[in-house]
Protein backbone atom coordinates (compact mmCIF):
# COMPACT_ATOMS: atom_id res chain seq x y z
CA MET A 1 30.25 -9.17 199.07
CA ASN A 2 26.78 -9.50 200.42
CA THR A 3 25.75 -8.96 204.02
CA ASN A 4 25.68 -12.68 204.87
CA ASN A 5 29.27 -13.12 203.71
CA LEU A 6 30.38 -10.13 205.79
CA VAL A 7 28.60 -11.48 208.87
CA GLU A 8 30.20 -14.93 208.41
CA PHE A 9 33.63 -13.37 207.92
CA SER A 10 33.32 -11.20 211.03
CA ARG A 11 32.13 -14.17 213.13
CA ALA A 12 35.01 -16.32 211.91
CA ARG A 13 37.47 -13.51 212.67
CA PHE A 14 35.99 -13.01 216.15
CA ASP A 15 36.11 -16.77 216.85
CA HIS A 16 39.74 -16.91 215.73
CA GLU A 17 40.74 -13.99 217.99
CA ALA A 18 38.87 -15.52 220.94
CA SER A 19 40.60 -18.86 220.32
CA ARG A 20 44.00 -17.13 220.23
CA ARG A 21 43.29 -15.40 223.57
CA VAL A 22 42.19 -18.67 225.19
CA LEU A 23 45.27 -20.43 223.84
CA LYS A 24 47.55 -17.69 225.21
CA GLU A 25 45.92 -17.82 228.65
CA LYS A 26 46.18 -21.61 228.69
CA TYR A 27 49.93 -21.61 228.07
CA GLN A 28 50.67 -18.63 230.30
CA ALA A 29 49.08 -20.57 233.16
CA LYS A 30 51.29 -23.57 232.36
CA MET A 31 54.41 -21.39 232.70
CA ILE A 32 53.88 -21.08 236.48
CA PHE A 33 55.74 -23.59 238.64
CA ALA A 34 56.92 -24.08 242.22
CA TYR A 35 60.57 -24.22 243.23
CA ASN A 36 62.12 -24.10 246.69
CA GLY A 37 59.06 -22.68 248.41
CA GLY A 38 58.38 -19.97 245.81
CA MET A 39 56.13 -19.65 242.78
CA TRP A 40 57.82 -18.69 239.52
CA CYS A 41 56.70 -17.87 235.99
CA ALA A 42 59.06 -19.27 233.37
CA GLY A 43 59.90 -16.77 230.68
CA PRO A 44 62.31 -14.09 229.53
CA ASP A 45 61.80 -11.93 232.64
CA LEU A 46 62.81 -14.65 235.10
CA LEU A 47 65.65 -15.88 232.87
CA THR A 48 67.04 -12.34 232.62
CA VAL A 49 66.99 -11.89 236.39
CA LEU A 50 68.72 -15.24 236.87
CA ALA A 51 71.35 -14.44 234.23
CA ALA A 52 72.14 -11.20 236.07
CA CYS A 53 72.92 -13.01 239.34
CA PRO A 54 76.71 -13.03 239.81
CA ASP A 55 76.72 -16.02 242.18
CA ARG A 56 75.44 -19.16 240.41
CA ASP A 57 75.08 -21.11 243.67
CA SER A 58 72.89 -18.93 245.83
CA ALA A 59 70.83 -15.78 245.55
CA VAL A 60 67.71 -14.28 247.08
CA ILE A 61 65.13 -13.04 244.56
CA LEU A 62 61.43 -12.21 244.65
CA ASP A 63 58.93 -14.79 243.42
CA LEU A 64 55.55 -14.09 241.76
CA TYR A 65 54.01 -13.06 245.08
CA GLU A 66 56.85 -10.65 245.95
CA THR A 67 58.22 -13.04 248.57
CA PRO A 68 62.01 -13.18 248.91
CA VAL A 69 63.18 -16.75 248.33
CA GLN A 70 66.72 -18.12 248.55
CA ILE A 71 67.41 -20.21 245.46
CA ASN A 72 70.17 -22.06 243.66
CA VAL A 73 70.46 -19.88 240.55
CA ALA A 74 71.69 -22.63 238.22
CA ASP A 75 68.93 -25.07 239.26
CA LEU A 76 66.12 -22.53 238.97
CA GLU A 77 67.45 -21.30 235.63
CA LEU A 78 67.51 -24.85 234.26
CA ALA A 79 63.98 -25.55 235.51
CA ALA A 80 62.65 -22.25 234.12
CA GLN A 81 64.30 -22.71 230.74
CA GLN A 82 63.03 -26.27 230.36
CA ARG A 83 59.47 -25.27 231.36
CA TRP A 84 59.51 -22.25 229.07
CA GLN A 85 60.80 -24.13 226.04
CA GLU A 86 58.45 -27.11 226.37
CA GLN A 87 55.40 -24.87 226.85
CA MET A 88 56.38 -22.50 224.03
CA HIS A 89 56.86 -25.48 221.71
CA ALA A 90 53.46 -26.92 222.61
CA TRP A 91 51.86 -23.47 222.25
CA HIS A 92 53.41 -23.05 218.80
CA ILE A 93 52.09 -26.42 217.63
CA GLU A 94 48.55 -25.59 218.80
CA TYR A 95 48.74 -22.10 217.32
CA GLU A 96 49.81 -23.43 213.92
CA THR A 97 46.91 -25.90 213.97
CA LEU A 98 44.52 -23.10 214.88
CA ARG A 99 45.94 -20.87 212.14
CA LYS A 100 45.57 -23.58 209.50
CA ASN A 101 41.98 -24.26 210.51
CA ARG A 102 41.12 -20.60 210.04
């Protein structure tokens, strides 16, 4: 390999990594949503906390800003799971397109 090929390869690799970071930040921002006066981030952490709640009707948990919020566990779990799955699906589609263009 000559120097020009190495430079092109390293630029392409850097561009790909930068694109992956931007894509991740884009979809992490889309995971945040409001529910019952609190801000929540859909994902495994929130879903685990909600699954651990013994009472499915009512619980008080901390939102993203460490504010205690009374929620309906089943409703918030459904909203978080739907948000998480739709955003993860969209992220996967964009990631596969990015990977193929590499």
